[in-house]
Amino acid sequence: MSSIEMIQRPAQRGVFPKIAGPIPPMPTNSQPIQDIIIVVPWAYPLPKDPFSLSFGEYSRLTYKEATELQDEVYKVSSQVLEDAWKRGKKQVVICDRDKIIYETESIEDIPNDKIMELAKKYDKACYVFSTSEMVEESTWTPIDKDDDYPTIGIYCGAVDSEESEIVKNSPLINADFDTGNPGYKVFDANQLPESIASFLPPLRYDRHLGRQYPYFQKEVKLCVKDADGKIHSVVRNIRLVRDWIESALLQVSPNRVGFVGRDLIRDLRIKVVLDPIRKTTQIHEASFQLA
């Protein structure tokens, strides 16, 4: 016996099922009923309670979905977070309402492996928040109305890639260089290859100049070229921001595409020469001496 064929296809989360287009008329004698196809999209809306997600459910969220849930957790847990910051904590992990399951005074981002360990232990979605904003942030002393922020040219690539291939195939990111922030390594995800920029849970929140911004973490190989053409590299975790244009990181420097701190020059074992007259940055071997 013939019947109407029903095809289900995924739809965006939060969109309720509906018939795609008008229902066709019933078949005539010359039109077999099996030729009629009704397409019915389906989806599961995001849960109203972000703490109800299991680890597996959270790991399948899109970046936008994770951001929506992170916003909700921040609202309901704001007092718990403020109390943690007052106790000197710099980063916390929350997986249940008003309950911190992990906290640290370190400004170094909590490794993804640690977050995964906690998520599997509790079988819950983990929400990570930071308050590593540095009050000692410094900018160049104004020279004139056209003063610029100093930068360092950086290439980002996969951990297992050769330095030469990264420099050849990756875009050069002229990241703002701020000696007042030791550990900052923050980049506009939209400027990087999809292999690096693709979302990797968990989503995290930090603050910059009093405003929140979302990011996620990935381990990459960072490369720079010195004045003699030699490549220096180091493998480090970096922060990737998708909503870069709207982020708090552009408050001081609207044209910023990356933001790195002084730890980078220590890790790369390089010497940096900033020229405020020519407004250029030169990179040299650590043993370099100015003439």
Protein backbone atom coordinates (compact mmCIF):
# COMPACT_ATOMS: atom_id res chain seq x y z
CA MET A 1 0.00 0.00 0.00
CA SER A 2 1.34 3.44 -0.95
CA SER A 3 1.77 6.10 1.69
CA ILE A 4 3.01 9.68 1.98
CA GLU A 5 6.78 9.71 2.54
CA MET A 6 7.88 11.81 5.52
CA ILE A 7 11.45 13.19 5.44
CA GLN A 8 12.93 14.69 8.58
CA ARG A 9 15.82 17.09 8.26
CA PRO A 10 17.66 19.03 10.98
CA ALA A 11 16.62 22.62 11.61
CA GLN A 12 18.13 25.36 13.73
CA ARG A 13 17.85 24.82 17.47
CA GLY A 14 15.00 26.73 19.03
CA VAL A 15 12.84 26.66 15.85
CA PHE A 16 9.63 24.74 16.32
CA PRO A 17 8.71 22.07 13.73
CA LYS A 18 6.60 23.27 10.81
CA ILE A 19 5.58 22.05 7.37
CA ALA A 20 7.99 23.34 4.72
CA GLY A 21 5.61 25.02 2.27
CA PRO A 22 1.93 24.34 1.52
CA ILE A 23 0.60 20.80 1.73
CA PRO A 24 0.13 19.52 -1.82
CA PRO A 25 -3.32 18.38 -2.97
CA MET A 26 -4.23 14.74 -2.81
CA PRO A 27 -3.12 12.81 -5.89
CA THR A 28 -5.22 12.25 -8.94
CA ASN A 29 -5.44 8.97 -10.80
CA SER A 30 -2.46 10.05 -12.91
CA GLN A 31 -0.27 11.09 -9.94
CA PRO A 32 1.09 8.29 -7.70
CA ILE A 33 0.77 9.11 -4.05
CA GLN A 34 4.36 8.03 -3.37
CA ASP A 35 5.60 10.97 -5.49
CA ILE A 36 4.35 13.46 -2.88
CA ILE A 37 6.99 14.46 -0.33
CA ILE A 38 6.25 16.52 2.77
CA VAL A 39 9.40 17.90 4.41
CA VAL A 40 9.11 18.33 8.18
CA PRO A 41 12.04 20.10 9.89
CA TRP A 42 12.65 19.22 13.52
CA ALA A 43 14.78 20.59 16.35
CA TYR A 44 15.16 20.58 20.09
CA PRO A 45 15.09 24.07 21.64
CA LEU A 46 17.87 25.03 24.02
CA PRO A 47 16.99 24.18 27.63
CA LYS A 48 15.92 27.07 29.85
CA ASP A 49 18.18 25.74 32.61
CA PRO A 50 21.84 25.75 31.44
CA PHE A 51 22.75 23.46 34.36
CA SER A 52 20.57 20.65 33.00
CA LEU A 53 22.91 19.81 30.12
CA SER A 54 25.11 16.74 30.28
CA PHE A 55 28.74 16.86 29.23
CA GLY A 56 27.89 15.20 25.91
CA GLU A 57 25.04 17.61 25.14
CA TYR A 58 27.19 20.64 25.87
CA SER A 59 30.05 19.40 23.69
CA ARG A 60 27.71 19.37 20.67
CA LEU A 61 26.62 23.02 21.02
CA THR A 62 27.45 25.62 18.41
CA TYR A 63 29.42 28.72 19.38
CA LYS A 64 26.21 30.82 19.39
CA GLU A 65 24.35 28.33 21.56
CA ALA A 66 27.23 28.12 24.04
CA THR A 67 27.33 31.93 24.24
CA GLU A 68 23.62 32.14 25.03
CA LEU A 69 23.95 29.63 27.86
CA GLN A 70 27.12 31.28 29.19
CA ASP A 71 25.26 34.60 29.37
CA GLU A 72 22.49 32.97 31.37
CA VAL A 73 24.94 31.36 33.81
CA TYR A 74 26.70 34.69 34.31
CA LYS A 75 23.38 36.34 35.21
CA VAL A 76 22.28 33.74 37.75
CA SER A 77 25.75 33.25 39.24
CA SER A 78 26.94 36.87 39.31
CA GLN A 79 27.02 37.05 43.12
CA VAL A 80 28.98 33.80 43.41
CA LEU A 81 31.49 35.12 40.88
CA GLU A 82 31.90 38.47 42.64
CA ASP A 83 32.51 36.66 45.94
CA ALA A 84 35.20 34.54 44.26
CA TRP A 85 36.94 37.62 42.83
CA LYS A 86 36.91 39.25 46.27
CA ARG A 87 38.61 36.14 47.69
CA GLY A 88 41.44 36.65 45.20
CA LYS A 89 40.42 33.94 42.75
CA LYS A 90 41.20 34.64 39.10
CA GLN A 91 39.34 31.79 37.40
CA VAL A 92 36.45 29.53 38.38
CA VAL A 93 34.44 26.66 36.92
CA ILE A 94 30.70 26.37 37.60
CA CYS A 95 28.56 23.38 36.66
CA ASP A 96 25.64 23.85 39.06
CA ARG A 97 23.72 26.86 40.30
CA ASP A 98 25.65 28.82 42.97
CA LYS A 99 28.32 26.12 43.15
CA ILE A 100 31.97 26.51 42.14
CA ILE A 101 33.62 23.14 41.47
CA TYR A 102 37.09 24.47 40.70
CA GLU A 103 38.90 27.76 41.34
CA THR A 104 42.42 29.11 41.07
CA GLU A 105 44.42 32.25 41.79
CA SER A 106 46.53 31.77 38.66
CA ILE A 107 46.00 34.09 35.69
CA GLU A 108 47.01 31.31 33.31
CA ASP A 109 43.95 29.86 31.58
CA ILE A 110 42.73 26.59 33.04
CA PRO A 111 43.82 23.88 30.55
CA ASN A 112 41.15 22.30 28.36
CA ASP A 113 42.21 18.89 29.70
CA LYS A 114 41.30 19.98 33.24
CA ILE A 115 37.89 21.25 32.10
CA MET A 116 37.26 17.95 30.30
CA GLU A 117 38.23 16.02 33.43
CA LEU A 118 35.73 17.99 35.54
CA ALA A 119 32.99 17.72 32.91
CA LYS A 120 33.37 13.95 32.69
CA LYS A 121 33.55 13.58 36.47
CA TYR A 122 30.24 15.40 37.03
CA ASP A 123 28.75 14.62 33.59
CA LYS A 124 27.66 18.24 33.45
CA ALA A 125 28.27 21.26 31.26
CA CYS A 126 31.13 23.34 32.68
CA TYR A 127 31.09 27.14 32.48
CA VAL A 128 34.43 28.93 32.87
CA PHE A 129 34.82 32.54 34.05
CA SER A 130 37.95 34.67 34.56
CA THR A 131 38.81 38.03 36.04
CA SER A 132 42.43 38.23 34.96
CA GLU A 133 42.20 41.87 33.97
CA MET A 134 45.48 43.61 34.76
CA VAL A 135 45.28 47.01 36.44
CA GLU A 136 48.86 47.79 35.39
CA GLU A 137 47.96 47.98 31.68
CA SER A 138 50.18 50.51 29.96
CA THR A 139 50.17 52.25 26.60
CA TRP A 140 52.80 54.41 24.93
CA THR A 141 53.18 57.91 26.22
CA PRO A 142 51.49 60.22 23.69
CA ILE A 143 53.90 61.66 21.12
CA ASP A 144 51.29 63.51 19.11
CA LYS A 145 47.69 63.12 18.07
CA ASP A 146 48.67 60.29 15.69
CA ASP A 147 50.26 58.07 18.33
CA ASP A 148 50.05 54.32 17.63
CA TYR A 149 49.92 51.17 19.73
CA PRO A 150 53.12 49.06 19.37
CA THR A 151 52.68 45.67 17.66
CA ILE A 152 54.43 42.34 17.10
CA GLY A 153 53.96 40.38 13.88
CA ILE A 154 52.88 36.81 14.68
CA TYR A 155 51.99 33.72 12.63
CA CYS A 156 49.69 31.05 14.14
CA GLY A 157 49.74 27.43 13.00
CA ALA A 158 49.01 23.86 14.00
CA VAL A 159 51.24 22.40 16.70
CA ASP A 160 52.63 19.70 14.40
CA SER A 161 53.32 22.06 11.47
CA GLU A 162 56.80 23.12 10.39
CA GLU A 163 57.79 26.70 11.20
CA SER A 164 58.53 27.50 7.55
CA GLU A 165 55.13 26.18 6.42
CA ILE A 166 53.31 28.25 9.04
CA VAL A 167 55.09 31.45 7.98
CA LYS A 168 54.48 30.66 4.31
CA ASN A 169 50.80 29.73 4.53
CA SER A 170 49.40 31.63 7.54
CA PRO A 171 48.38 35.30 7.61
CA LEU A 172 50.61 37.72 9.49
CA ILE A 173 48.80 39.05 12.56
CA ASN A 174 50.15 42.39 13.78
CA ALA A 175 49.05 41.95 17.39
CA ASP A 176 49.08 44.84 19.85
CA PHE A 177 51.96 44.38 22.29
CA ASP A 178 51.24 45.35 25.90
CA THR A 179 53.97 44.89 28.51
CA GLY A 180 51.44 45.55 31.27
CA ASN A 181 49.67 42.24 30.62
CA PRO A 182 52.01 39.28 31.08
CA GLY A 183 50.00 36.34 29.79
CA TYR A 184 47.71 37.81 27.14
CA LYS A 185 47.65 35.90 23.83
CA VAL A 186 44.28 36.85 22.36
CA PHE A 187 43.41 36.75 18.66
CA ASP A 188 40.54 37.52 16.30
CA ALA A 189 39.40 34.04 15.27
CA ASN A 190 38.05 35.45 12.00
CA GLN A 191 41.61 36.27 10.86
CA LEU A 192 42.85 32.69 11.23
CA PRO A 193 42.39 29.47 9.22
CA GLU A 194 39.28 27.44 10.03
CA SER A 195 41.45 24.59 11.33
CA ILE A 196 42.47 26.89 14.17
CA ALA A 197 39.41 29.14 14.40
CA SER A 198 36.77 26.37 14.66
CA PHE A 199 34.97 26.40 18.01
CA LEU A 200 36.30 24.10 20.72
CA PRO A 201 34.26 23.91 23.99
CA PRO A 202 34.23 25.04 26.67
CA LEU A 203 33.39 28.68 26.08
CA ARG A 204 35.01 30.99 28.64
CA TYR A 205 34.38 34.54 29.86
CA ASP A 206 36.94 37.11 30.95
CA ARG A 207 36.85 40.86 31.56
CA HIS A 208 38.82 43.65 29.93
CA LEU A 209 38.51 47.25 31.12
CA GLY A 210 35.35 46.35 33.00
CA ARG A 211 33.53 44.53 30.17
CA GLN A 212 32.99 40.82 29.62
CA TYR A 213 34.13 39.05 26.46
CA PRO A 214 33.69 35.39 25.40
CA TYR A 215 36.54 33.26 24.10
CA PHE A 216 37.69 29.67 23.72
CA GLN A 217 41.16 28.20 24.02
CA LYS A 218 43.37 26.25 21.63
CA GLU A 219 46.98 25.11 21.60
CA VAL A 220 48.90 26.44 18.59
CA LYS A 221 52.43 27.09 17.42
CA LEU A 222 53.27 30.81 17.49
CA CYS A 223 56.00 32.00 15.11
CA VAL A 224 57.81 35.31 14.60
CA LYS A 225 60.54 36.34 12.15
CA ASP A 226 63.45 38.38 13.41
CA ALA A 227 65.28 41.16 11.55
CA ASP A 228 67.63 38.58 9.99
CA GLY A 229 64.81 36.38 8.72
CA LYS A 230 65.25 33.66 11.34
CA ILE A 231 62.02 32.09 12.63
CA HIS A 232 61.42 31.70 16.36
CA SER A 233 58.52 29.57 17.60
CA VAL A 234 56.84 28.31 20.74
CA VAL A 235 53.76 26.16 21.42
CA ARG A 236 51.26 27.88 23.68
CA ASN A 237 47.53 28.09 24.43
CA ILE A 238 45.88 31.14 22.89
CA ARG A 239 42.48 32.77 23.32
CA LEU A 240 40.24 32.95 20.25
CA VAL A 241 37.41 35.47 20.06
CA ARG A 242 34.68 35.09 17.42
CA ASP A 243 32.70 38.30 18.10
CA TRP A 244 35.83 40.40 17.78
CA ILE A 245 34.31 43.63 16.44
CA GLU A 246 31.91 43.82 19.39
CA SER A 247 34.40 42.68 22.01
CA ALA A 248 35.74 44.63 24.98
CA LEU A 249 39.28 44.27 23.62
CA LEU A 250 38.78 47.06 21.08
CA GLN A 251 37.94 49.80 23.58
CA VAL A 252 41.43 51.32 23.57
CA SER A 253 42.60 50.20 20.11
CA PRO A 254 39.67 49.97 17.64
CA ASN A 255 41.82 48.51 14.83
CA ARG A 256 43.30 45.76 17.00
CA VAL A 257 43.42 42.24 15.49
CA GLY A 258 45.40 40.56 18.27
CA PHE A 259 46.67 41.30 21.77
CA VAL A 260 49.79 39.80 23.37
CA GLY A 261 51.68 40.41 26.61
CA ARG A 262 55.28 40.39 27.73
CA ASP A 263 55.44 36.63 28.44
CA LEU A 264 55.60 36.03 24.69
CA ILE A 265 59.03 37.64 24.25
CA ARG A 266 60.34 35.61 27.22
CA ASP A 267 58.90 32.36 25.86
CA LEU A 268 60.30 33.01 22.36
CA ARG A 269 63.68 34.05 23.77
CA ILE A 270 63.76 37.19 21.63
CA LYS A 271 64.64 40.84 22.09
CA VAL A 272 62.16 43.48 20.91
CA VAL A 273 63.16 46.98 19.84
CA LEU A 274 60.33 49.52 19.72
CA ASP A 275 60.95 52.66 17.68
CA PRO A 276 58.47 55.38 18.70
CA ILE A 277 59.69 57.77 15.99
CA ARG A 278 59.33 55.43 13.02
CA LYS A 279 56.55 53.54 14.85
CA THR A 280 58.02 50.15 14.03
CA THR A 281 58.94 46.98 15.94
CA GLN A 282 62.09 44.99 15.28
CA ILE A 283 62.67 41.45 16.60
CA HIS A 284 66.18 40.17 17.31
CA GLU A 285 67.96 37.23 18.90
CA ALA A 286 68.10 37.47 22.69
CA SER A 287 71.86 38.08 22.47
CA PHE A 288 71.43 41.11 20.19
CA GLN A 289 73.11 44.33 21.33
CA LEU A 290 72.16 47.79 20.13
CA ALA A 291 75.02 49.59 18.40
